[in-house]
Each structure stands twice: as C-alpha cells, then as structure tokens.
Amino acid sequence: MVKVLEVTFSGIILCAVTDDGAKIQAIPAFVVRDEAARQEKARLLSRILKGAVHDLGDGVLIVVRH
C-alpha cells in the first residue's frame, strides 16, 4: 500500500516590497524608492503570485498567501 503525503502551506510570506533592502531578510525583496511605484509593484506581484498585500508601515509592504 502506498501512502500519499500532501503538504499545504498557508499563511506564508511570499515577498516584500521596500524602500530599503536592509530592512528585509530571509525573503525575496524588491527595492522601490518611490511610494506610488512601491504600491503598484506590490499590487502587481500580489496578482501574479495570487496573494494579498499588507502594508507594515515604514516603507515595507509584504505579499502573503493566506
């Protein structure tokens, strides 16, 4: 008999969009200096990665999958 193991990730941080790369560690980060461009980049990444954007303040947005 073969047992199948299924792994599902929920609540994972996919990437960050920030104004300073030094603020982010251990996840992919996109550095965008302009606030409007940073919001747009995060929105596009969330659509591509099928995630949601959360603004952490201080110039950091994260894209997560719930």
N, C-alpha and C. Protein backbone atom coordinates (compact mmCIF):
# COMPACT_ATOMS: atom_id res chain seq x y z
N MET A 1 0.84 -1.17 0.00
CA MET A 1 0.00 0.00 0.00
C MET A 1 0.89 1.24 0.00
N VAL A 2 0.56 2.20 -0.85
CA VAL A 2 1.32 3.44 -0.96
C VAL A 2 0.56 4.54 -0.23
N LYS A 3 1.26 5.24 0.66
CA LYS A 3 0.65 6.37 1.36
C LYS A 3 1.08 7.65 0.66
N VAL A 4 0.14 8.53 0.46
CA VAL A 4 0.41 9.81 -0.19
C VAL A 4 0.45 10.90 0.87
N LEU A 5 1.51 11.67 0.85
CA LEU A 5 1.66 12.78 1.79
C LEU A 5 1.35 14.07 1.05
N GLU A 6 0.43 14.83 1.56
CA GLU A 6 0.08 16.11 0.95
C GLU A 6 0.47 17.22 1.89
N VAL A 7 1.23 18.19 1.38
CA VAL A 7 1.68 19.32 2.18
C VAL A 7 1.04 20.59 1.62
N THR A 8 0.42 21.36 2.48
CA THR A 8 -0.20 22.61 2.07
C THR A 8 0.35 23.73 2.94
N PHE A 9 0.82 24.79 2.29
CA PHE A 9 1.31 25.95 3.02
C PHE A 9 0.20 26.99 3.12
N SER A 10 -0.01 27.50 4.30
CA SER A 10 -0.95 28.60 4.46
C SER A 10 -0.31 29.63 5.38
N GLY A 11 -0.62 30.87 5.12
CA GLY A 11 -0.05 31.93 5.93
C GLY A 11 1.44 32.11 5.67
N ILE A 12 1.83 32.12 4.40
CA ILE A 12 3.25 32.24 4.06
C ILE A 12 3.54 33.61 3.44
N ILE A 13 4.66 34.21 3.82
CA ILE A 13 5.09 35.47 3.22
C ILE A 13 5.83 35.13 1.93
N LEU A 14 5.33 35.65 0.81
CA LEU A 14 5.92 35.34 -0.49
C LEU A 14 7.08 36.26 -0.84
N CYS A 15 6.93 37.57 -0.56
CA CYS A 15 8.00 38.53 -0.86
C CYS A 15 7.67 39.85 -0.17
N ALA A 16 8.60 40.78 -0.28
CA ALA A 16 8.41 42.12 0.28
C ALA A 16 8.77 43.16 -0.77
N VAL A 17 8.13 44.31 -0.67
CA VAL A 17 8.48 45.46 -1.50
C VAL A 17 8.82 46.57 -0.52
N THR A 18 10.02 47.12 -0.63
CA THR A 18 10.50 48.06 0.38
C THR A 18 11.28 49.21 -0.24
N ASP A 19 11.48 50.25 0.55
CA ASP A 19 12.30 51.37 0.10
C ASP A 19 13.76 51.19 0.48
N ASP A 20 14.07 50.19 1.30
CA ASP A 20 15.44 49.94 1.75
C ASP A 20 15.64 48.44 1.95
N GLY A 21 16.48 47.83 1.15
CA GLY A 21 16.72 46.40 1.21
C GLY A 21 17.27 45.91 2.54
N ALA A 22 17.89 46.78 3.32
CA ALA A 22 18.44 46.39 4.61
C ALA A 22 17.35 46.09 5.64
N LYS A 23 16.11 46.49 5.36
CA LYS A 23 15.00 46.24 6.28
C LYS A 23 14.47 44.81 6.18
N ILE A 24 14.83 44.09 5.12
CA ILE A 24 14.25 42.78 4.84
C ILE A 24 15.34 41.72 4.86
N GLN A 25 15.04 40.58 5.49
CA GLN A 25 15.95 39.44 5.50
C GLN A 25 15.16 38.16 5.31
N ALA A 26 15.75 37.18 4.69
CA ALA A 26 15.24 35.81 4.59
C ALA A 26 14.07 35.61 3.62
N ILE A 27 13.62 36.67 2.94
CA ILE A 27 12.60 36.52 1.90
C ILE A 27 12.99 37.38 0.70
N PRO A 28 12.50 37.04 -0.48
CA PRO A 28 12.79 37.88 -1.65
C PRO A 28 12.27 39.30 -1.43
N ALA A 29 13.10 40.29 -1.78
CA ALA A 29 12.71 41.69 -1.59
C ALA A 29 12.93 42.48 -2.87
N PHE A 30 11.99 43.35 -3.17
CA PHE A 30 12.08 44.26 -4.30
C PHE A 30 12.23 45.66 -3.73
N VAL A 31 13.30 46.36 -4.13
CA VAL A 31 13.56 47.70 -3.61
C VAL A 31 13.01 48.71 -4.61
N VAL A 32 12.07 49.53 -4.14
CA VAL A 32 11.45 50.58 -4.95
C VAL A 32 11.38 51.83 -4.09
N ARG A 33 12.07 52.88 -4.49
CA ARG A 33 12.18 54.09 -3.66
C ARG A 33 10.89 54.92 -3.61
N ASP A 34 10.20 55.05 -4.73
CA ASP A 34 9.01 55.90 -4.82
C ASP A 34 7.79 55.20 -4.22
N GLU A 35 7.03 55.89 -3.37
CA GLU A 35 5.87 55.30 -2.68
C GLU A 35 4.81 54.80 -3.65
N ALA A 36 4.44 55.60 -4.63
CA ALA A 36 3.40 55.18 -5.59
C ALA A 36 3.86 53.97 -6.40
N ALA A 37 5.11 53.98 -6.82
CA ALA A 37 5.66 52.85 -7.58
C ALA A 37 5.74 51.60 -6.71
N ARG A 38 6.04 51.78 -5.42
CA ARG A 38 6.12 50.66 -4.49
C ARG A 38 4.74 50.01 -4.33
N GLN A 39 3.70 50.82 -4.20
CA GLN A 39 2.33 50.31 -4.09
C GLN A 39 1.94 49.54 -5.35
N GLU A 40 2.27 50.09 -6.51
CA GLU A 40 1.93 49.45 -7.78
C GLU A 40 2.69 48.13 -7.95
N LYS A 41 3.97 48.11 -7.61
CA LYS A 41 4.77 46.88 -7.71
C LYS A 41 4.20 45.79 -6.81
N ALA A 42 3.82 46.15 -5.59
CA ALA A 42 3.23 45.18 -4.66
C ALA A 42 1.90 44.66 -5.19
N ARG A 43 1.09 45.55 -5.77
CA ARG A 43 -0.20 45.14 -6.34
C ARG A 43 -0.01 44.15 -7.48
N LEU A 44 0.93 44.44 -8.37
CA LEU A 44 1.20 43.54 -9.50
C LEU A 44 1.73 42.19 -9.01
N LEU A 45 2.65 42.21 -8.06
CA LEU A 45 3.18 40.96 -7.51
C LEU A 45 2.09 40.13 -6.84
N SER A 46 1.18 40.78 -6.16
CA SER A 46 0.10 40.04 -5.50
C SER A 46 -0.80 39.35 -6.52
N ARG A 47 -1.02 39.99 -7.65
CA ARG A 47 -1.84 39.36 -8.70
C ARG A 47 -1.10 38.20 -9.34
N ILE A 48 0.18 38.38 -9.60
CA ILE A 48 0.99 37.32 -10.22
C ILE A 48 1.12 36.11 -9.29
N LEU A 49 1.37 36.37 -8.01
CA LEU A 49 1.61 35.31 -7.03
C LEU A 49 0.34 34.82 -6.33
N LYS A 50 -0.79 35.39 -6.70
CA LYS A 50 -2.09 35.03 -6.10
C LYS A 50 -2.06 35.20 -4.59
N GLY A 51 -1.61 36.39 -4.18
CA GLY A 51 -1.52 36.70 -2.76
C GLY A 51 -2.23 37.99 -2.43
N ALA A 52 -2.01 38.47 -1.22
CA ALA A 52 -2.60 39.72 -0.74
C ALA A 52 -1.48 40.62 -0.22
N VAL A 53 -1.67 41.92 -0.36
CA VAL A 53 -0.67 42.89 0.08
C VAL A 53 -1.06 43.42 1.46
N HIS A 54 -0.06 43.51 2.34
CA HIS A 54 -0.25 44.12 3.66
C HIS A 54 0.84 45.18 3.85
N ASP A 55 0.45 46.37 4.26
CA ASP A 55 1.38 47.47 4.49
C ASP A 55 1.82 47.43 5.95
N LEU A 56 3.11 47.20 6.17
CA LEU A 56 3.64 47.14 7.53
C LEU A 56 4.09 48.51 8.03
N GLY A 57 3.99 49.52 7.18
CA GLY A 57 4.45 50.85 7.55
C GLY A 57 5.95 50.95 7.34
N ASP A 58 6.49 52.14 7.54
CA ASP A 58 7.93 52.38 7.43
C ASP A 58 8.49 51.94 6.08
N GLY A 59 7.67 52.05 5.01
CA GLY A 59 8.15 51.75 3.67
C GLY A 59 8.23 50.27 3.33
N VAL A 60 7.53 49.41 4.06
CA VAL A 60 7.58 47.97 3.81
C VAL A 60 6.18 47.43 3.53
N LEU A 61 6.03 46.75 2.39
CA LEU A 61 4.80 46.03 2.07
C LEU A 61 5.17 44.57 1.89
N ILE A 62 4.31 43.67 2.35
CA ILE A 62 4.56 42.24 2.15
C ILE A 62 3.43 41.65 1.33
N VAL A 63 3.77 40.65 0.54
CA VAL A 63 2.79 39.89 -0.22
C VAL A 63 2.70 38.53 0.44
N VAL A 64 1.49 38.17 0.89
CA VAL A 64 1.29 36.92 1.62
C VAL A 64 0.23 36.07 0.93
N ARG A 65 0.27 34.79 1.22
CA ARG A 65 -0.80 33.88 0.82
C ARG A 65 -1.41 33.36 2.10
N HIS A 66 -2.70 33.61 2.28
CA HIS A 66 -3.42 33.20 3.50
C HIS A 66 -3.82 31.76 3.42
